[in-house]
Protein backbone atom coordinates (compact mmCIF):
# COMPACT_ATOMS: atom_id res chain seq x y z
CA MET A 1 57.03 -0.07 -3.18
CA ASN A 2 53.78 0.48 -4.96
CA GLU A 3 53.60 -1.14 -8.39
CA ILE A 4 50.45 0.76 -9.49
CA ASP A 5 51.07 3.44 -12.06
CA PRO A 6 48.40 6.17 -11.70
CA ARG A 7 48.72 6.80 -15.44
CA ASP A 8 47.44 3.24 -16.11
CA ASP A 9 43.95 4.02 -17.41
CA ARG A 10 43.04 0.31 -17.53
CA ARG A 11 42.44 0.19 -13.77
CA GLY A 12 40.17 3.22 -13.98
CA LEU A 13 38.12 1.55 -16.69
CA GLU A 14 37.82 -1.61 -14.59
CA ASP A 15 36.65 0.42 -11.58
CA THR A 16 34.12 2.24 -13.74
CA ALA A 17 32.79 -1.07 -15.09
CA VAL A 18 32.44 -2.56 -11.59
CA LEU A 19 30.68 0.55 -10.26
CA SER A 20 28.37 0.66 -13.28
CA GLU A 21 27.38 -2.97 -12.71
CA LEU A 22 26.84 -2.30 -9.00
CA ASN A 23 24.64 0.68 -9.85
CA ARG A 24 22.60 -1.46 -12.26
CA LEU A 25 22.12 -4.16 -9.61
CA VAL A 26 21.01 -1.67 -6.96
CA ASP A 27 18.51 -0.14 -9.39
CA GLU A 28 17.21 -3.59 -10.31
CA LEU A 29 17.12 -5.23 -6.87
CA ASP A 30 16.43 -2.28 -4.56
CA PRO A 31 15.10 0.70 -6.50
CA PRO A 32 13.86 3.79 -4.66
CA PRO A 33 10.08 3.85 -4.17
CA ALA A 34 8.29 5.20 -7.24
CA ASP A 35 6.55 7.82 -5.11
CA LEU A 36 9.66 8.94 -3.19
CA VAL A 37 9.70 12.45 -4.65
CA ASP A 38 5.99 12.94 -3.92
CA ARG A 39 6.46 11.70 -0.34
CA VAL A 40 9.34 14.10 0.25
CA LYS A 41 7.38 17.03 -1.19
CA PHE A 42 4.41 16.11 1.02
CA ALA A 43 6.59 15.96 4.12
CA ILE A 44 8.01 19.43 3.60
CA ALA A 45 4.90 21.15 2.23
CA LEU A 46 3.57 22.36 5.56
CA GLU A 47 1.82 25.70 5.31
CA SER A 48 3.74 27.00 8.32
CA LEU A 49 7.39 26.23 8.82
CA ASP A 50 7.07 27.22 12.48
CA VAL A 51 6.52 23.67 13.71
CA GLU A 52 8.34 21.27 15.98
CA VAL A 53 8.98 17.77 14.66
CA ALA A 54 8.19 14.99 17.11
CA ARG A 55 10.47 11.95 17.42
CA TRP A 56 9.18 8.47 16.72
CA GLU A 57 9.75 6.63 20.00
CA ARG A 58 8.28 3.18 19.55
CA ALA A 59 6.99 1.37 16.49
CA GLY A 60 5.28 -1.54 18.28
CA SER A 61 3.49 -3.76 15.77
CA PHE A 62 2.86 -0.91 13.33
CA ALA A 63 3.88 -3.04 10.36
CA GLY A 64 0.66 -5.00 10.88
CA VAL A 65 -1.52 -2.02 9.98
CA ARG A 66 -1.45 -3.00 6.31
CA GLY A 67 -2.55 -6.50 7.25
CA GLY A 68 -5.73 -5.39 8.97
CA GLN A 69 -4.36 -5.43 12.51
CA THR A 70 -3.72 -2.56 14.85
CA GLY A 71 -0.46 -0.74 15.45
CA THR A 72 0.63 1.81 18.01
CA ILE A 73 3.25 4.53 17.69
CA THR A 74 4.45 6.95 20.33
CA PHE A 75 5.86 10.34 19.35
CA THR A 76 7.55 12.78 21.71
CA VAL A 77 8.77 16.35 21.56
CA ASP A 78 9.91 18.55 24.41
CA ASN A 79 7.05 18.28 26.95
CA LEU A 80 4.43 16.51 24.78
CA THR A 81 3.81 12.82 24.17
CA LEU A 82 1.45 11.69 21.44
CA MET A 83 0.42 8.05 21.34
CA VAL A 84 -1.63 6.92 18.36
CA ASN A 85 -3.23 3.60 17.56
CA PHE A 86 -4.07 2.77 13.95
CA THR A 87 -6.78 0.26 13.09
CA SER A 88 -7.34 -0.79 9.50
CA THR A 89 -10.99 -0.66 8.43
CA GLY A 90 -10.79 -1.96 4.89
CA SER A 91 -9.09 0.61 2.69
CA ARG A 92 -9.32 3.26 5.43
CA HIS A 93 -8.07 3.62 8.99
CA ARG A 94 -9.34 4.62 12.40
CA ILE A 95 -6.92 6.66 14.50
CA ASP A 96 -7.31 6.72 18.28
CA GLY A 97 -4.89 9.02 20.04
CA TRP A 98 -3.86 10.37 23.41
CA LEU A 99 -1.96 13.53 24.28
CA VAL A 100 0.11 13.87 27.45
CA PRO A 101 -0.18 16.29 29.09
CA ALA A 102 -3.86 16.27 28.28
CA GLY A 103 -5.60 19.27 26.80
CA GLU A 104 -8.26 20.30 24.33
CA HIS A 105 -5.83 20.69 21.43
CA THR A 106 -6.72 20.51 17.73
CA VAL A 107 -5.43 17.41 15.97
CA GLU A 108 -5.07 17.48 12.19
CA VAL A 109 -4.30 14.46 10.02
CA ARG A 110 -2.84 15.17 6.58
CA VAL A 111 -2.92 12.42 3.95
CA ALA A 112 -1.32 13.02 0.56
CA ASP A 113 -3.85 13.66 -2.22
CA HIS A 114 -6.72 13.99 0.32
CA LYS A 115 -8.21 16.78 2.38
CA SER A 116 -7.02 17.18 5.97
CA SER A 117 -9.18 15.79 8.76
CA CYS A 118 -9.40 17.66 12.05
CA THR A 119 -10.76 16.92 15.48
CA ARG A 120 -10.34 18.26 18.99
CA ALA A 121 -8.90 16.23 21.83
CA ASP A 122 -11.10 16.07 24.91
CA ASP A 123 -9.99 17.41 28.30
CA GLY A 124 -8.34 14.03 28.96
CA GLY A 125 -6.24 14.37 25.79
CA ARG A 126 -8.11 11.63 23.87
CA PHE A 127 -9.12 12.01 20.23
CA VAL A 128 -10.55 9.82 17.48
CA LEU A 129 -10.54 10.14 13.70
CA PRO A 130 -12.73 7.25 12.51
CA ASP A 131 -12.32 7.46 8.72
CA VAL A 132 -8.79 8.28 7.52
CA PRO A 133 -7.76 7.28 3.98
CA ALA A 134 -4.64 5.22 3.36
CA GLY A 135 -1.52 6.96 2.11
CA THR A 136 1.39 9.13 3.15
CA THR A 137 0.29 10.60 6.47
CA GLN A 138 1.36 13.21 9.02
CA ILE A 139 -0.32 14.19 12.27
CA LEU A 140 -0.22 17.80 13.44
CA VAL A 141 -1.13 18.85 16.96
CA HIS A 142 -2.06 22.52 17.27
CA LEU A 143 -1.49 23.22 20.95
CA VAL A 144 -3.31 25.83 23.01
CA ASP A 145 -2.04 27.42 26.20
CA SER A 146 -3.83 27.50 29.56
CA ARG A 147 -5.85 30.53 28.41
CA GLY A 148 -7.00 28.74 25.25
CA GLU A 149 -4.74 30.86 23.03
CA PRO A 150 -3.03 29.20 20.04
CA GLY A 151 0.46 28.00 20.81
CA ARG A 152 3.03 25.97 18.96
CA THR A 153 2.33 23.24 16.40
CA VAL A 154 3.90 19.79 16.61
CA VAL A 155 4.13 17.53 13.55
CA THR A 156 4.98 13.83 13.38
CA PRO A 157 7.35 12.33 10.87
CA THR A 158 5.65 11.01 7.75
CA ILE A 159 4.18 7.52 8.02
CA MET A 160 2.54 5.23 5.47
CA LEU A 161 -0.95 3.98 6.28
């Protein structure tokens, strides 16, 4: 049968010591980002909670954005696809984007600790924001219906530029 006596506190102390050491190693070797709390607050601090969150479909070579290269991400939600290309321009970024289906929708880029930047997509769904600061970023697309009336708002997951 089982030779372990649950009243043997020694085993509990050994487990506690092992878990404490594991916790110390995780904190030392893989700590959470220093700005994690700020990034989470930014992600949930939308003025209107009546938004749809788009899914990140393809990362492409997005990791290269920090290295001065370009990166493309595609986001989708229901019947909208948003493809954005990020180009590093020093400490800032240029965002070229395309909406499918096309429409003259308002595109807003939120960057933590900066003012939002807005533009309007053309009738082909293309938009450009030439001077976006680096940081924790979200893109919001404020859709309009066929009559030009405001519709739903779509927001991307948070990304780091």
